[in-house]
mmCIF file of all heavy atoms, coordinates in Angstrom:
data_MODEL
# 
_entry.id   MODEL 
# 
loop_
_atom_site.group_PDB 
_atom_site.id 
_atom_site.type_symbol 
_atom_site.label_atom_id 
_atom_site.label_alt_id 
_atom_site.label_comp_id 
_atom_site.label_asym_id 
_atom_site.label_entity_id 
_atom_site.label_seq_id 
_atom_site.pdbx_PDB_ins_code 
_atom_site.Cartn_x 
_atom_site.Cartn_y 
_atom_site.Cartn_z 
_atom_site.occupancy 
_atom_site.B_iso_or_equiv 
_atom_site.pdbx_formal_charge 
_atom_site.auth_seq_id 
_atom_site.auth_comp_id 
_atom_site.auth_asym_id 
_atom_site.auth_atom_id 
_atom_site.pdbx_PDB_model_num 
ATOM 1   N N   . ALA A 1 1  ? 100.068 129.184 112.796 1.00 0.00 ? 1  ALA A N   1 
ATOM 2   C CA  . ALA A 1 1  ? 100.198 128.465 111.525 1.00 0.00 ? 1  ALA A CA  1 
ATOM 3   C C   . ALA A 1 1  ? 101.560 127.797 111.413 1.00 0.00 ? 1  ALA A C   1 
ATOM 4   O O   . ALA A 1 1  ? 101.667 126.633 110.989 1.00 0.00 ? 1  ALA A O   1 
ATOM 5   C CB  . ALA A 1 1  ? 99.975  129.418 110.356 1.00 0.00 ? 1  ALA A CB  1 
ATOM 6   N N   . PHE A 1 2  ? 102.630 128.503 111.786 1.00 0.00 ? 2  PHE A N   1 
ATOM 7   C CA  . PHE A 1 2  ? 103.961 127.914 111.708 1.00 0.00 ? 2  PHE A CA  1 
ATOM 8   C C   . PHE A 1 2  ? 104.112 126.761 112.701 1.00 0.00 ? 2  PHE A C   1 
ATOM 9   O O   . PHE A 1 2  ? 104.723 125.741 112.392 1.00 0.00 ? 2  PHE A O   1 
ATOM 10  C CB  . PHE A 1 2  ? 105.028 128.977 111.959 1.00 0.00 ? 2  PHE A CB  1 
ATOM 11  C CG  . PHE A 1 2  ? 105.495 129.659 110.711 1.00 0.00 ? 2  PHE A CG  1 
ATOM 12  C CD1 . PHE A 1 2  ? 105.125 130.968 110.438 1.00 0.00 ? 2  PHE A CD1 1 
ATOM 13  C CD2 . PHE A 1 2  ? 106.286 128.997 109.786 1.00 0.00 ? 2  PHE A CD2 1 
ATOM 14  C CE1 . PHE A 1 2  ? 105.536 131.598 109.275 1.00 0.00 ? 2  PHE A CE1 1 
ATOM 15  C CE2 . PHE A 1 2  ? 106.717 129.618 108.620 1.00 0.00 ? 2  PHE A CE2 1 
ATOM 16  C CZ  . PHE A 1 2  ? 106.342 130.931 108.365 1.00 0.00 ? 2  PHE A CZ  1 
ATOM 17  N N   . ALA A 1 3  ? 103.538 126.922 113.906 1.00 0.00 ? 3  ALA A N   1 
ATOM 18  C CA  . ALA A 1 3  ? 103.587 125.832 114.885 1.00 0.00 ? 3  ALA A CA  1 
ATOM 19  C C   . ALA A 1 3  ? 102.871 124.605 114.337 1.00 0.00 ? 3  ALA A C   1 
ATOM 20  O O   . ALA A 1 3  ? 103.359 123.466 114.453 1.00 0.00 ? 3  ALA A O   1 
ATOM 21  C CB  . ALA A 1 3  ? 102.948 126.281 116.199 1.00 0.00 ? 3  ALA A CB  1 
ATOM 22  N N   . GLY A 1 4  ? 101.710 124.830 113.732 1.00 0.00 ? 4  GLY A N   1 
ATOM 23  C CA  . GLY A 1 4  ? 100.976 123.717 113.138 1.00 0.00 ? 4  GLY A CA  1 
ATOM 24  C C   . GLY A 1 4  ? 101.733 123.077 111.988 1.00 0.00 ? 4  GLY A C   1 
ATOM 25  O O   . GLY A 1 4  ? 101.741 121.846 111.832 1.00 0.00 ? 4  GLY A O   1 
ATOM 26  N N   . MET A 1 5  ? 102.404 123.897 111.164 1.00 0.00 ? 5  MET A N   1 
ATOM 27  C CA  . MET A 1 5  ? 103.175 123.362 110.039 1.00 0.00 ? 5  MET A CA  1 
ATOM 28  C C   . MET A 1 5  ? 104.307 122.457 110.499 1.00 0.00 ? 5  MET A C   1 
ATOM 29  O O   . MET A 1 5  ? 104.515 121.374 109.947 1.00 0.00 ? 5  MET A O   1 
ATOM 30  C CB  . MET A 1 5  ? 103.744 124.509 109.198 1.00 0.00 ? 5  MET A CB  1 
ATOM 31  C CG  . MET A 1 5  ? 102.752 125.165 108.260 1.00 0.00 ? 5  MET A CG  1 
ATOM 32  S SD  . MET A 1 5  ? 103.492 126.539 107.324 1.00 0.00 ? 5  MET A SD  1 
ATOM 33  C CE  . MET A 1 5  ? 104.785 125.675 106.427 1.00 0.00 ? 5  MET A CE  1 
ATOM 34  N N   . PHE A 1 6  ? 105.013 122.898 111.524 1.00 0.00 ? 6  PHE A N   1 
ATOM 35  C CA  . PHE A 1 6  ? 106.114 122.073 112.025 1.00 0.00 ? 6  PHE A CA  1 
ATOM 36  C C   . PHE A 1 6  ? 105.591 120.750 112.581 1.00 0.00 ? 6  PHE A C   1 
ATOM 37  O O   . PHE A 1 6  ? 106.185 119.692 112.361 1.00 0.00 ? 6  PHE A O   1 
ATOM 38  C CB  . PHE A 1 6  ? 106.903 122.829 113.087 1.00 0.00 ? 6  PHE A CB  1 
ATOM 39  C CG  . PHE A 1 6  ? 107.774 123.921 112.537 1.00 0.00 ? 6  PHE A CG  1 
ATOM 40  C CD1 . PHE A 1 6  ? 107.704 125.206 113.035 1.00 0.00 ? 6  PHE A CD1 1 
ATOM 41  C CD2 . PHE A 1 6  ? 108.663 123.656 111.503 1.00 0.00 ? 6  PHE A CD2 1 
ATOM 42  C CE1 . PHE A 1 6  ? 108.492 126.223 112.511 1.00 0.00 ? 6  PHE A CE1 1 
ATOM 43  C CE2 . PHE A 1 6  ? 109.464 124.671 110.964 1.00 0.00 ? 6  PHE A CE2 1 
ATOM 44  C CZ  . PHE A 1 6  ? 109.382 125.952 111.480 1.00 0.00 ? 6  PHE A CZ  1 
ATOM 45  N N   . ALA A 1 7  ? 104.465 120.800 113.292 1.00 0.00 ? 7  ALA A N   1 
ATOM 46  C CA  . ALA A 1 7  ? 103.859 119.571 113.814 1.00 0.00 ? 7  ALA A CA  1 
ATOM 47  C C   . ALA A 1 7  ? 103.412 118.673 112.666 1.00 0.00 ? 7  ALA A C   1 
ATOM 48  O O   . ALA A 1 7  ? 103.602 117.453 112.695 1.00 0.00 ? 7  ALA A O   1 
ATOM 49  C CB  . ALA A 1 7  ? 102.681 119.908 114.725 1.00 0.00 ? 7  ALA A CB  1 
ATOM 50  N N   . GLY A 1 8  ? 102.826 119.283 111.640 1.00 0.00 ? 8  GLY A N   1 
ATOM 51  C CA  . GLY A 1 8  ? 102.370 118.505 110.494 1.00 0.00 ? 8  GLY A CA  1 
ATOM 52  C C   . GLY A 1 8  ? 103.513 117.838 109.750 1.00 0.00 ? 8  GLY A C   1 
ATOM 53  O O   . GLY A 1 8  ? 103.398 116.696 109.291 1.00 0.00 ? 8  GLY A O   1 
ATOM 54  N N   . GLN A 1 9  ? 104.631 118.541 109.635 1.00 0.00 ? 9  GLN A N   1 
ATOM 55  C CA  . GLN A 1 9  ? 105.786 117.959 108.958 1.00 0.00 ? 9  GLN A CA  1 
ATOM 56  C C   . GLN A 1 9  ? 106.346 116.771 109.729 1.00 0.00 ? 9  GLN A C   1 
ATOM 57  O O   . GLN A 1 9  ? 106.825 115.798 109.133 1.00 0.00 ? 9  GLN A O   1 
ATOM 58  C CB  . GLN A 1 9  ? 106.862 119.032 108.765 1.00 0.00 ? 9  GLN A CB  1 
ATOM 59  C CG  . GLN A 1 9  ? 106.491 120.071 107.715 1.00 0.00 ? 9  GLN A CG  1 
ATOM 60  C CD  . GLN A 1 9  ? 107.420 121.277 107.717 1.00 0.00 ? 9  GLN A CD  1 
ATOM 61  O OE1 . GLN A 1 9  ? 108.230 121.448 108.625 1.00 0.00 ? 9  GLN A OE1 1 
ATOM 62  N NE2 . GLN A 1 9  ? 107.289 122.120 106.714 1.00 0.00 ? 9  GLN A NE2 1 
ATOM 63  N N   . MET A 1 10 ? 106.268 116.823 111.062 1.00 0.00 ? 10 MET A N   1 
ATOM 64  C CA  . MET A 1 10 ? 106.717 115.695 111.875 1.00 0.00 ? 10 MET A CA  1 
ATOM 65  C C   . MET A 1 10 ? 105.787 114.500 111.692 1.00 0.00 ? 10 MET A C   1 
ATOM 66  O O   . MET A 1 10 ? 106.236 113.353 111.588 1.00 0.00 ? 10 MET A O   1 
ATOM 67  C CB  . MET A 1 10 ? 106.770 116.111 113.350 1.00 0.00 ? 10 MET A CB  1 
ATOM 68  C CG  . MET A 1 10 ? 107.838 117.143 113.666 1.00 0.00 ? 10 MET A CG  1 
ATOM 69  S SD  . MET A 1 10 ? 107.787 117.683 115.396 1.00 0.00 ? 10 MET A SD  1 
ATOM 70  C CE  . MET A 1 10 ? 108.133 116.150 116.247 1.00 0.00 ? 10 MET A CE  1 
ATOM 71  N N   . VAL A 1 11 ? 104.475 114.780 111.633 1.00 0.00 ? 11 VAL A N   1 
ATOM 72  C CA  . VAL A 1 11 ? 103.504 113.703 111.441 1.00 0.00 ? 11 VAL A CA  1 
ATOM 73  C C   . VAL A 1 11 ? 103.640 113.097 110.048 1.00 0.00 ? 11 VAL A C   1 
ATOM 74  O O   . VAL A 1 11 ? 103.423 111.902 109.852 1.00 0.00 ? 11 VAL A O   1 
ATOM 75  C CB  . VAL A 1 11 ? 102.065 114.227 111.673 1.00 0.00 ? 11 VAL A CB  1 
ATOM 76  C CG1 . VAL A 1 11 ? 101.023 113.194 111.245 1.00 0.00 ? 11 VAL A CG1 1 
ATOM 77  C CG2 . VAL A 1 11 ? 101.863 114.599 113.128 1.00 0.00 ? 11 VAL A CG2 1 
ATOM 78  N N   . ARG A 1 12 ? 103.990 113.928 109.062 1.00 0.00 ? 12 ARG A N   1 
ATOM 79  C CA  . ARG A 1 12 ? 104.112 113.456 107.673 1.00 0.00 ? 12 ARG A CA  1 
ATOM 80  C C   . ARG A 1 12 ? 105.064 112.276 107.567 1.00 0.00 ? 12 ARG A C   1 
ATOM 81  O O   . ARG A 1 12 ? 104.876 111.368 106.751 1.00 0.00 ? 12 ARG A O   1 
ATOM 82  C CB  . ARG A 1 12 ? 104.599 114.592 106.769 1.00 0.00 ? 12 ARG A CB  1 
ATOM 83  C CG  . ARG A 1 12 ? 104.691 114.195 105.300 1.00 0.00 ? 12 ARG A CG  1 
ATOM 84  C CD  . ARG A 1 12 ? 105.439 115.209 104.469 1.00 0.00 ? 12 ARG A CD  1 
ATOM 85  N NE  . ARG A 1 12 ? 104.730 116.456 104.352 1.00 0.00 ? 12 ARG A NE  1 
ATOM 86  C CZ  . ARG A 1 12 ? 105.209 117.530 103.714 1.00 0.00 ? 12 ARG A CZ  1 
ATOM 87  N NH1 . ARG A 1 12 ? 106.405 117.474 103.160 1.00 0.00 ? 12 ARG A NH1 1 
ATOM 88  N NH2 . ARG A 1 12 ? 104.509 118.637 103.666 1.00 0.00 ? 12 ARG A NH2 1 
ATOM 89  N N   . THR A 1 13 ? 106.122 112.278 108.395 1.00 0.00 ? 13 THR A N   1 
ATOM 90  C CA  . THR A 1 13 ? 107.104 111.198 108.328 1.00 0.00 ? 13 THR A CA  1 
ATOM 91  C C   . THR A 1 13 ? 106.562 109.896 108.916 1.00 0.00 ? 13 THR A C   1 
ATOM 92  O O   . THR A 1 13 ? 107.137 108.831 108.679 1.00 0.00 ? 13 THR A O   1 
ATOM 93  C CB  . THR A 1 13 ? 108.386 111.605 109.084 1.00 0.00 ? 13 THR A CB  1 
ATOM 94  O OG1 . THR A 1 13 ? 108.067 111.831 110.467 1.00 0.00 ? 13 THR A OG1 1 
ATOM 95  C CG2 . THR A 1 13 ? 108.973 112.869 108.494 1.00 0.00 ? 13 THR A CG2 1 
ATOM 96  N N   . ARG A 1 14 ? 105.472 109.969 109.690 1.00 0.00 ? 14 ARG A N   1 
ATOM 97  C CA  . ARG A 1 14 ? 104.944 108.770 110.350 1.00 0.00 ? 14 ARG A CA  1 
ATOM 98  C C   . ARG A 1 14 ? 103.595 108.323 109.788 1.00 0.00 ? 14 ARG A C   1 
ATOM 99  O O   . ARG A 1 14 ? 103.213 107.174 109.945 1.00 0.00 ? 14 ARG A O   1 
ATOM 100 C CB  . ARG A 1 14 ? 104.775 109.040 111.851 1.00 0.00 ? 14 ARG A CB  1 
ATOM 101 C CG  . ARG A 1 14 ? 106.068 109.440 112.551 1.00 0.00 ? 14 ARG A CG  1 
ATOM 102 C CD  . ARG A 1 14 ? 105.854 109.640 114.037 1.00 0.00 ? 14 ARG A CD  1 
ATOM 103 N NE  . ARG A 1 14 ? 107.075 110.033 114.713 1.00 0.00 ? 14 ARG A NE  1 
ATOM 104 C CZ  . ARG A 1 14 ? 107.167 110.242 116.025 1.00 0.00 ? 14 ARG A CZ  1 
ATOM 105 N NH1 . ARG A 1 14 ? 106.086 110.098 116.786 1.00 0.00 ? 14 ARG A NH1 1 
ATOM 106 N NH2 . ARG A 1 14 ? 108.312 110.591 116.576 1.00 0.00 ? 14 ARG A NH2 1 
ATOM 107 N N   . MET A 1 15 ? 102.877 109.244 109.158 1.00 0.00 ? 15 MET A N   1 
ATOM 108 C CA  . MET A 1 15 ? 101.528 108.932 108.689 1.00 0.00 ? 15 MET A CA  1 
ATOM 109 C C   . MET A 1 15 ? 101.494 109.035 107.173 1.00 0.00 ? 15 MET A C   1 
ATOM 110 O O   . MET A 1 15 ? 102.090 109.949 106.590 1.00 0.00 ? 15 MET A O   1 
ATOM 111 C CB  . MET A 1 15 ? 100.529 109.932 109.301 1.00 0.00 ? 15 MET A CB  1 
ATOM 112 C CG  . MET A 1 15 ? 99.098  109.730 108.884 1.00 0.00 ? 15 MET A CG  1 
ATOM 113 S SD  . MET A 1 15 ? 98.042  110.987 109.661 1.00 0.00 ? 15 MET A SD  1 
ATOM 114 C CE  . MET A 1 15 ? 96.437  110.492 109.051 1.00 0.00 ? 15 MET A CE  1 
ATOM 115 N N   . HIS A 1 16 ? 100.793 108.112 106.540 1.00 0.00 ? 16 HIS A N   1 
ATOM 116 C CA  . HIS A 1 16 ? 100.705 108.152 105.082 1.00 0.00 ? 16 HIS A CA  1 
ATOM 117 C C   . HIS A 1 16 ? 99.893  109.374 104.666 1.00 0.00 ? 16 HIS A C   1 
ATOM 118 O O   . HIS A 1 16 ? 98.724  109.512 105.039 1.00 0.00 ? 16 HIS A O   1 
ATOM 119 C CB  . HIS A 1 16 ? 100.026 106.892 104.551 1.00 0.00 ? 16 HIS A CB  1 
ATOM 120 C CG  . HIS A 1 16 ? 100.327 106.643 103.106 1.00 0.00 ? 16 HIS A CG  1 
ATOM 121 N ND1 . HIS A 1 16 ? 99.843  107.441 102.095 1.00 0.00 ? 16 HIS A ND1 1 
ATOM 122 C CD2 . HIS A 1 16 ? 101.090 105.691 102.494 1.00 0.00 ? 16 HIS A CD2 1 
ATOM 123 C CE1 . HIS A 1 16 ? 100.277 107.007 100.934 1.00 0.00 ? 16 HIS A CE1 1 
ATOM 124 N NE2 . HIS A 1 16 ? 101.034 105.948 101.137 1.00 0.00 ? 16 HIS A NE2 1 
ATOM 125 N N   . PRO A 1 17 ? 100.488 110.311 103.894 1.00 0.00 ? 17 PRO A N   1 
ATOM 126 C CA  . PRO A 1 17 ? 99.784  111.541 103.523 1.00 0.00 ? 17 PRO A CA  1 
ATOM 127 C C   . PRO A 1 17 ? 98.477  111.299 102.787 1.00 0.00 ? 17 PRO A C   1 
ATOM 128 O O   . PRO A 1 17 ? 97.529  112.074 102.926 1.00 0.00 ? 17 PRO A O   1 
ATOM 129 C CB  . PRO A 1 17 ? 100.797 112.266 102.621 1.00 0.00 ? 17 PRO A CB  1 
ATOM 130 C CG  . PRO A 1 17 ? 102.122 111.725 103.018 1.00 0.00 ? 17 PRO A CG  1 
ATOM 131 C CD  . PRO A 1 17 ? 101.864 110.300 103.400 1.00 0.00 ? 17 PRO A CD  1 
ATOM 132 N N   . ASP A 1 18 ? 98.387  110.219 101.998 1.00 0.00 ? 18 ASP A N   1 
ATOM 133 C CA  . ASP A 1 18 ? 97.163  109.957 101.238 1.00 0.00 ? 18 ASP A CA  1 
ATOM 134 C C   . ASP A 1 18 ? 95.974  109.674 102.148 1.00 0.00 ? 18 ASP A C   1 
ATOM 135 O O   . ASP A 1 18 ? 94.839  110.068 101.863 1.00 0.00 ? 18 ASP A O   1 
ATOM 136 C CB  . ASP A 1 18 ? 97.362  108.780 100.279 1.00 0.00 ? 18 ASP A CB  1 
ATOM 137 C CG  . ASP A 1 18 ? 98.217  109.154 99.081  1.00 0.00 ? 18 ASP A CG  1 
ATOM 138 O OD1 . ASP A 1 18 ? 98.382  110.369 98.842  1.00 0.00 ? 18 ASP A OD1 1 
ATOM 139 O OD2 . ASP A 1 18 ? 98.715  108.252 98.396  1.00 0.00 ? 18 ASP A OD2 1 
ATOM 140 N N   . VAL A 1 19 ? 96.221  108.985 103.269 1.00 0.00 ? 19 VAL A N   1 
ATOM 141 C CA  . VAL A 1 19 ? 95.143  108.693 104.227 1.00 0.00 ? 19 VAL A CA  1 
ATOM 142 C C   . VAL A 1 19 ? 94.645  109.989 104.858 1.00 0.00 ? 19 VAL A C   1 
ATOM 143 O O   . VAL A 1 19 ? 93.440  110.241 104.940 1.00 0.00 ? 19 VAL A O   1 
ATOM 144 C CB  . VAL A 1 19 ? 95.640  107.717 105.314 1.00 0.00 ? 19 VAL A CB  1 
ATOM 145 C CG1 . VAL A 1 19 ? 94.556  107.506 106.379 1.00 0.00 ? 19 VAL A CG1 1 
ATOM 146 C CG2 . VAL A 1 19 ? 96.039  106.385 104.692 1.00 0.00 ? 19 VAL A CG2 1 
ATOM 147 N N   . PHE A 1 20 ? 95.590  110.817 105.297 1.00 0.00 ? 20 PHE A N   1 
ATOM 148 C CA  . PHE A 1 20 ? 95.217  112.085 105.903 1.00 0.00 ? 20 PHE A CA  1 
ATOM 149 C C   . PHE A 1 20 ? 94.506  112.973 104.888 1.00 0.00 ? 20 PHE A C   1 
ATOM 150 O O   . PHE A 1 20 ? 93.499  113.624 105.200 1.00 0.00 ? 20 PHE A O   1 
ATOM 151 C CB  . PHE A 1 20 ? 96.456  112.799 106.437 1.00 0.00 ? 20 PHE A CB  1 
ATOM 152 C CG  . PHE A 1 20 ? 96.148  114.061 107.195 1.00 0.00 ? 20 PHE A CG  1 
ATOM 153 C CD1 . PHE A 1 20 ? 95.896  114.015 108.551 1.00 0.00 ? 20 PHE A CD1 1 
ATOM 154 C CD2 . PHE A 1 20 ? 96.084  115.277 106.554 1.00 0.00 ? 20 PHE A CD2 1 
ATOM 155 C CE1 . PHE A 1 20 ? 95.606  115.169 109.255 1.00 0.00 ? 20 PHE A CE1 1 
ATOM 156 C CE2 . PHE A 1 20 ? 95.791  116.439 107.235 1.00 0.00 ? 20 PHE A CE2 1 
ATOM 157 C CZ  . PHE A 1 20 ? 95.560  116.379 108.605 1.00 0.00 ? 20 PHE A CZ  1 
ATOM 158 N N   . ARG A 1 21 ? 95.027  112.984 103.644 1.00 0.00 ? 21 ARG A N   1 
ATOM 159 C CA  . ARG A 1 21 ? 94.445  113.824 102.591 1.00 0.00 ? 21 ARG A CA  1 
ATOM 160 C C   . ARG A 1 21 ? 92.998  113.421 102.327 1.00 0.00 ? 21 ARG A C   1 
ATOM 161 O O   . ARG A 1 21 ? 92.137  114.288 102.123 1.00 0.00 ? 21 ARG A O   1 
ATOM 162 C CB  . ARG A 1 21 ? 95.273  113.697 101.316 1.00 0.00 ? 21 ARG A CB  1 
ATOM 163 C CG  . ARG A 1 21 ? 94.796  114.535 100.144 1.00 0.00 ? 21 ARG A CG  1 
ATOM 164 C CD  . ARG A 1 21 ? 95.753  114.385 98.970  1.00 0.00 ? 21 ARG A CD  1 
ATOM 165 N NE  . ARG A 1 21 ? 95.305  115.158 97.827  1.00 0.00 ? 21 ARG A NE  1 
ATOM 166 C CZ  . ARG A 1 21 ? 94.437  114.730 96.929  1.00 0.00 ? 21 ARG A CZ  1 
ATOM 167 N NH1 . ARG A 1 21 ? 93.918  113.512 97.059  1.00 0.00 ? 21 ARG A NH1 1 
ATOM 168 N NH2 . ARG A 1 21 ? 94.069  115.491 95.916  1.00 0.00 ? 21 ARG A NH2 1 
ATOM 169 N N   . ARG A 1 22 ? 92.696  112.122 102.344 1.00 0.00 ? 22 ARG A N   1 
ATOM 170 C CA  . ARG A 1 22 ? 91.334  111.665 102.082 1.00 0.00 ? 22 ARG A CA  1 
ATOM 171 C C   . ARG A 1 22 ? 90.364  112.189 103.142 1.00 0.00 ? 22 ARG A C   1 
ATOM 172 O O   . ARG A 1 22 ? 89.296  112.718 102.823 1.00 0.00 ? 22 ARG A O   1 
ATOM 173 C CB  . ARG A 1 22 ? 91.297  110.134 102.041 1.00 0.00 ? 22 ARG A CB  1 
ATOM 174 C CG  . ARG A 1 22 ? 89.933  109.565 101.633 1.00 0.00 ? 22 ARG A CG  1 
ATOM 175 C CD  . ARG A 1 22 ? 89.937  108.056 101.638 1.00 0.00 ? 22 ARG A CD  1 
ATOM 176 N NE  . ARG A 1 22 ? 91.055  107.511 100.882 1.00 0.00 ? 22 ARG A NE  1 
ATOM 177 C CZ  . ARG A 1 22 ? 92.043  106.780 101.405 1.00 0.00 ? 22 ARG A CZ  1 
ATOM 178 N NH1 . ARG A 1 22 ? 92.043  106.510 102.695 1.00 0.00 ? 22 ARG A NH1 1 
ATOM 179 N NH2 . ARG A 1 22 ? 93.006  106.325 100.654 1.00 0.00 ? 22 ARG A NH2 1 
ATOM 180 N N   . TRP A 1 23 ? 90.738  112.051 104.417 1.00 0.00 ? 23 TRP A N   1 
ATOM 181 C CA  . TRP A 1 23 ? 89.844  112.518 105.489 1.00 0.00 ? 23 TRP A CA  1 
ATOM 182 C C   . TRP A 1 23 ? 89.753  114.036 105.518 1.00 0.00 ? 23 TRP A C   1 
ATOM 183 O O   . TRP A 1 23 ? 88.713  114.602 105.855 1.00 0.00 ? 23 TRP A O   1 
ATOM 184 C CB  . TRP A 1 23 ? 90.310  111.968 106.832 1.00 0.00 ? 23 TRP A CB  1 
ATOM 185 C CG  . TRP A 1 23 ? 89.984  110.517 106.980 1.00 0.00 ? 23 TRP A CG  1 
ATOM 186 C CD1 . TRP A 1 23 ? 90.845  109.460 106.925 1.00 0.00 ? 23 TRP A CD1 1 
ATOM 187 C CD2 . TRP A 1 23 ? 88.676  109.959 107.153 1.00 0.00 ? 23 TRP A CD2 1 
ATOM 188 N NE1 . TRP A 1 23 ? 90.167  108.285 107.059 1.00 0.00 ? 23 TRP A NE1 1 
ATOM 189 C CE2 . TRP A 1 23 ? 88.833  108.550 107.214 1.00 0.00 ? 23 TRP A CE2 1 
ATOM 190 C CE3 . TRP A 1 23 ? 87.399  110.511 107.276 1.00 0.00 ? 23 TRP A CE3 1 
ATOM 191 C CZ2 . TRP A 1 23 ? 87.745  107.691 107.392 1.00 0.00 ? 23 TRP A CZ2 1 
ATOM 192 C CZ3 . TRP A 1 23 ? 86.317  109.656 107.450 1.00 0.00 ? 23 TRP A CZ3 1 
ATOM 193 C CH2 . TRP A 1 23 ? 86.492  108.268 107.508 1.00 0.00 ? 23 TRP A CH2 1 
ATOM 194 N N   . PHE A 1 24 ? 90.849  114.689 105.156 1.00 0.00 ? 24 PHE A N   1 
ATOM 195 C CA  . PHE A 1 24 ? 90.816  116.147 105.058 1.00 0.00 ? 24 PHE A CA  1 
ATOM 196 C C   . PHE A 1 24 ? 89.814  116.593 104.007 1.00 0.00 ? 24 PHE A C   1 
ATOM 197 O O   . PHE A 1 24 ? 88.995  117.491 104.233 1.00 0.00 ? 24 PHE A O   1 
ATOM 198 C CB  . PHE A 1 24 ? 92.221  116.656 104.721 1.00 0.00 ? 24 PHE A CB  1 
ATOM 199 C CG  . PHE A 1 24 ? 92.250  118.050 104.136 1.00 0.00 ? 24 PHE A CG  1 
ATOM 200 C CD1 . PHE A 1 24 ? 91.876  119.146 104.884 1.00 0.00 ? 24 PHE A CD1 1 
ATOM 201 C CD2 . PHE A 1 24 ? 92.661  118.257 102.824 1.00 0.00 ? 24 PHE A CD2 1 
ATOM 202 C CE1 . PHE A 1 24 ? 91.904  120.432 104.339 1.00 0.00 ? 24 PHE A CE1 1 
ATOM 203 C CE2 . PHE A 1 24 ? 92.694  119.523 102.275 1.00 0.00 ? 24 PHE A CE2 1 
ATOM 204 C CZ  . PHE A 1 24 ? 92.323  120.608 103.040 1.00 0.00 ? 24 PHE A CZ  1 
ATOM 205 N N   . LEU A 1 25 ? 89.827  115.965 102.836 1.00 0.00 ? 25 LEU A N   1 
ATOM 206 C CA  . LEU A 1 25 ? 88.915  116.343 101.761 1.00 0.00 ? 25 LEU A CA  1 
ATOM 207 C C   . LEU A 1 25 ? 87.466  116.030 102.115 1.00 0.00 ? 25 LEU A C   1 
ATOM 208 O O   . LEU A 1 25 ? 86.555  116.791 101.776 1.00 0.00 ? 25 LEU A O   1 
ATOM 209 C CB  . LEU A 1 25 ? 89.308  115.630 100.468 1.00 0.00 ? 25 LEU A CB  1 
ATOM 210 C CG  . LEU A 1 25 ? 90.637  116.104 99.842  1.00 0.00 ? 25 LEU A CG  1 
ATOM 211 C CD1 . LEU A 1 25 ? 91.074  115.159 98.723  1.00 0.00 ? 25 LEU A CD1 1 
ATOM 212 C CD2 . LEU A 1 25 ? 90.512  117.522 99.325  1.00 0.00 ? 25 LEU A CD2 1 
ATOM 213 N N   . ILE A 1 26 ? 87.236  114.925 102.819 1.00 0.00 ? 26 ILE A N   1 
ATOM 214 C CA  . ILE A 1 26 ? 85.879  114.612 103.289 1.00 0.00 ? 26 ILE A CA  1 
ATOM 215 C C   . ILE A 1 26 ? 85.394  115.703 104.238 1.00 0.00 ? 26 ILE A C   1 
ATOM 216 O O   . ILE A 1 26 ? 84.241  116.148 104.171 1.00 0.00 ? 26 ILE A O   1 
ATOM 217 C CB  . ILE A 1 26 ? 85.856  113.232 103.976 1.00 0.00 ? 26 ILE A CB  1 
ATOM 218 C CG1 . ILE A 1 26 ? 86.070  112.121 102.943 1.00 0.00 ? 26 ILE A CG1 1 
ATOM 219 C CG2 . ILE A 1 26 ? 84.528  113.012 104.708 1.00 0.00 ? 26 ILE A CG2 1 
ATOM 220 C CD1 . ILE A 1 26 ? 86.251  110.746 103.549 1.00 0.00 ? 26 ILE A CD1 1 
# 
């Protein structure tokens, strides 16, 4: 989980969170 969190935080700076959030909710 921590490894995934760190990777996600790195992606957050490059990817718009709203786009990811939409596909996550779908």
